[in-house]
Amino acid sequence: MNKIISSTEIRKNWSQYIDEAIRFHPVFFKRNRDMLVMFSSEQIEALLDQYKFNISITRAESGIYTGTLKEISISFSSHSMTEILNQIVSALLDYASDYMDNSISNIKSKKEHFPYILKILNCINNNQNIKDLLVLSD
């Protein structure tokens, strides 16, 4: 069972606890009344595996495609499916940046987006392609 480590202990043995979080398990620590958890990227990826970016793409009689990302309510239209995917990726990156920089995370209706934002950020930090997160659905 993991114990909760004081921030003083974390500061004294910073490298040891980073190694522990990366190689074995999350490290829980406390500073005053604040609780924190240190995860590795792989642990975050496993934790967020269930969160998918489902895209529904339809084609109108005019030949225009409309793509909608269900989880974050993003929609785009274009003559090309590739362009829709590029637009959605760009919008996801912008939204993740705004979410983290502009305190969108404090808006109650946006809190459910946090796991998706974390998944995007983890993907970026691991030099993975955001398009690989997208799942085409009916």
Protein backbone atom coordinates (compact mmCIF):
# COMPACT_ATOMS: atom_id res chain seq x y z
CA MET A 1 0.00 0.00 0.00
CA ASN A 2 1.33 3.41 -0.94
CA LYS A 3 1.83 5.82 1.86
CA ILE A 4 1.35 9.57 1.69
CA ILE A 5 4.74 11.26 1.74
CA SER A 6 5.36 14.74 3.09
CA SER A 7 6.53 17.44 0.70
CA THR A 8 9.65 17.81 2.87
CA GLU A 9 10.52 14.15 2.27
CA ILE A 10 9.81 14.55 -1.47
CA ARG A 11 12.19 17.55 -1.65
CA LYS A 12 14.94 15.66 0.20
CA ASN A 13 14.70 12.60 -2.08
CA TRP A 14 13.28 14.06 -5.29
CA SER A 15 15.13 11.72 -7.69
CA GLN A 16 14.19 8.65 -5.70
CA TYR A 17 10.48 9.48 -5.85
CA ILE A 18 10.60 10.35 -9.54
CA ASP A 19 12.22 6.97 -10.20
CA GLU A 20 9.57 5.28 -8.05
CA ALA A 21 6.73 6.98 -9.94
CA ILE A 22 8.24 6.20 -13.35
CA ARG A 23 9.28 2.61 -12.72
CA PHE A 24 6.74 1.29 -10.22
CA HIS A 25 3.64 3.20 -9.15
CA PRO A 26 2.15 6.64 -8.53
CA VAL A 27 3.60 8.56 -5.59
CA PHE A 28 1.16 10.33 -3.28
CA PHE A 29 2.37 13.32 -1.33
CA LYS A 30 1.03 16.13 0.75
CA ARG A 31 1.95 19.77 1.21
CA ASN A 32 0.05 21.32 4.07
CA ARG A 33 -3.55 20.37 3.24
CA ASP A 34 -2.93 19.86 -0.49
CA MET A 35 -2.74 16.31 -1.83
CA LEU A 36 -0.79 15.59 -5.02
CA VAL A 37 -0.02 12.52 -7.08
CA MET A 38 3.01 11.95 -9.30
CA PHE A 39 2.33 9.68 -12.30
CA SER A 40 4.47 8.48 -15.18
CA SER A 41 3.28 9.13 -18.74
CA GLU A 42 2.61 5.41 -19.15
CA GLN A 43 0.42 5.37 -16.04
CA ILE A 44 -1.52 8.38 -17.35
CA GLU A 45 -1.93 6.67 -20.72
CA ALA A 46 -3.29 3.52 -19.06
CA LEU A 47 -5.58 5.54 -16.82
CA LEU A 48 -7.03 7.44 -19.79
CA ASP A 49 -7.22 4.50 -22.20
CA GLN A 50 -11.02 4.36 -21.92
CA TYR A 51 -11.41 7.94 -23.16
CA LYS A 52 -11.88 8.02 -26.93
CA PHE A 53 -12.29 10.87 -29.39
CA ASN A 54 -15.22 9.63 -31.47
CA ILE A 55 -15.73 11.41 -34.78
CA SER A 56 -18.89 11.08 -36.79
CA ILE A 57 -18.48 12.04 -40.46
CA THR A 58 -21.42 12.47 -42.82
CA ARG A 59 -21.49 13.40 -46.49
CA ALA A 60 -24.19 15.63 -47.89
CA GLU A 61 -25.55 15.27 -51.43
CA SER A 62 -23.49 18.34 -52.33
CA GLY A 63 -20.35 16.32 -51.60
CA ILE A 64 -19.49 18.30 -48.47
CA TYR A 65 -18.37 16.28 -45.48
CA THR A 66 -19.25 17.28 -41.93
CA GLY A 67 -17.21 15.88 -39.08
CA THR A 68 -18.30 16.14 -35.46
CA LEU A 69 -16.23 15.28 -32.41
CA LYS A 70 -18.86 14.13 -29.94
CA GLU A 71 -17.01 14.43 -26.64
CA ILE A 72 -16.10 18.10 -26.97
CA SER A 73 -18.76 19.26 -29.48
CA ILE A 74 -16.46 20.37 -32.27
CA SER A 75 -17.77 20.34 -35.86
CA PHE A 76 -16.26 21.21 -39.23
CA SER A 77 -17.33 20.95 -42.86
CA SER A 78 -15.14 20.52 -45.91
CA HIS A 79 -14.89 18.89 -49.33
CA SER A 80 -12.22 16.58 -47.91
CA MET A 81 -12.27 14.12 -45.01
CA THR A 82 -8.54 14.72 -44.55
CA GLU A 83 -9.17 18.43 -44.12
CA ILE A 84 -11.86 17.75 -41.52
CA LEU A 85 -9.45 15.57 -39.53
CA ASN A 86 -6.77 18.27 -39.75
CA GLN A 87 -9.26 20.92 -38.60
CA ILE A 88 -10.38 18.78 -35.65
CA VAL A 89 -6.78 18.12 -34.59
CA SER A 90 -6.02 21.83 -34.79
CA ALA A 91 -9.15 22.66 -32.78
CA LEU A 92 -8.25 20.05 -30.14
CA LEU A 93 -4.78 21.53 -29.74
CA ASP A 94 -6.20 25.04 -29.44
CA TYR A 95 -8.86 23.93 -26.99
CA ALA A 96 -6.35 22.05 -24.82
CA SER A 97 -4.16 25.15 -24.72
CA ASP A 98 -7.10 27.40 -23.84
CA TYR A 99 -8.35 24.92 -21.27
CA MET A 100 -5.04 24.93 -19.42
CA ASP A 101 -4.09 28.60 -19.91
CA ASN A 102 -7.38 30.40 -19.46
CA SER A 103 -8.92 28.53 -16.55
CA ILE A 104 -11.66 26.97 -18.68
CA SER A 105 -11.17 24.02 -16.35
CA ASN A 106 -12.93 26.04 -13.61
CA ILE A 107 -16.14 26.21 -15.62
CA LYS A 108 -18.41 23.51 -14.23
CA SER A 109 -19.78 22.40 -17.61
CA LYS A 110 -16.21 21.94 -18.93
CA LYS A 111 -14.85 19.80 -16.07
CA GLU A 112 -15.91 16.62 -17.88
CA HIS A 113 -13.43 17.53 -20.63
CA PHE A 114 -10.43 17.27 -18.29
CA PRO A 115 -9.56 13.60 -19.04
CA TYR A 116 -9.65 14.37 -22.76
CA ILE A 117 -7.42 17.42 -22.30
CA LEU A 118 -4.99 15.36 -20.23
CA LYS A 119 -4.98 12.68 -22.95
CA ILE A 120 -4.12 15.32 -25.59
CA LEU A 121 -1.34 16.80 -23.46
CA ASN A 122 0.11 13.37 -22.68
CA CYS A 123 0.08 12.57 -26.40
CA ILE A 124 1.88 15.82 -27.26
CA ASN A 125 4.47 15.35 -24.53
CA ASN A 126 5.24 11.86 -25.84
CA ASN A 127 5.57 13.10 -29.45
CA GLN A 128 2.59 11.04 -30.57
CA ASN A 129 0.27 12.03 -33.40
CA ILE A 130 -3.03 13.49 -32.18
CA LYS A 131 -4.75 11.93 -35.22
CA ASP A 132 -3.98 8.52 -33.70
CA LEU A 133 -6.40 9.37 -30.87
CA LEU A 134 -9.33 9.87 -33.26
CA VAL A 135 -11.84 7.05 -33.76
CA LEU A 136 -14.25 7.18 -36.70
CA SER A 137 -17.71 6.13 -35.57
CA ASP A 138 -21.11 5.79 -37.23
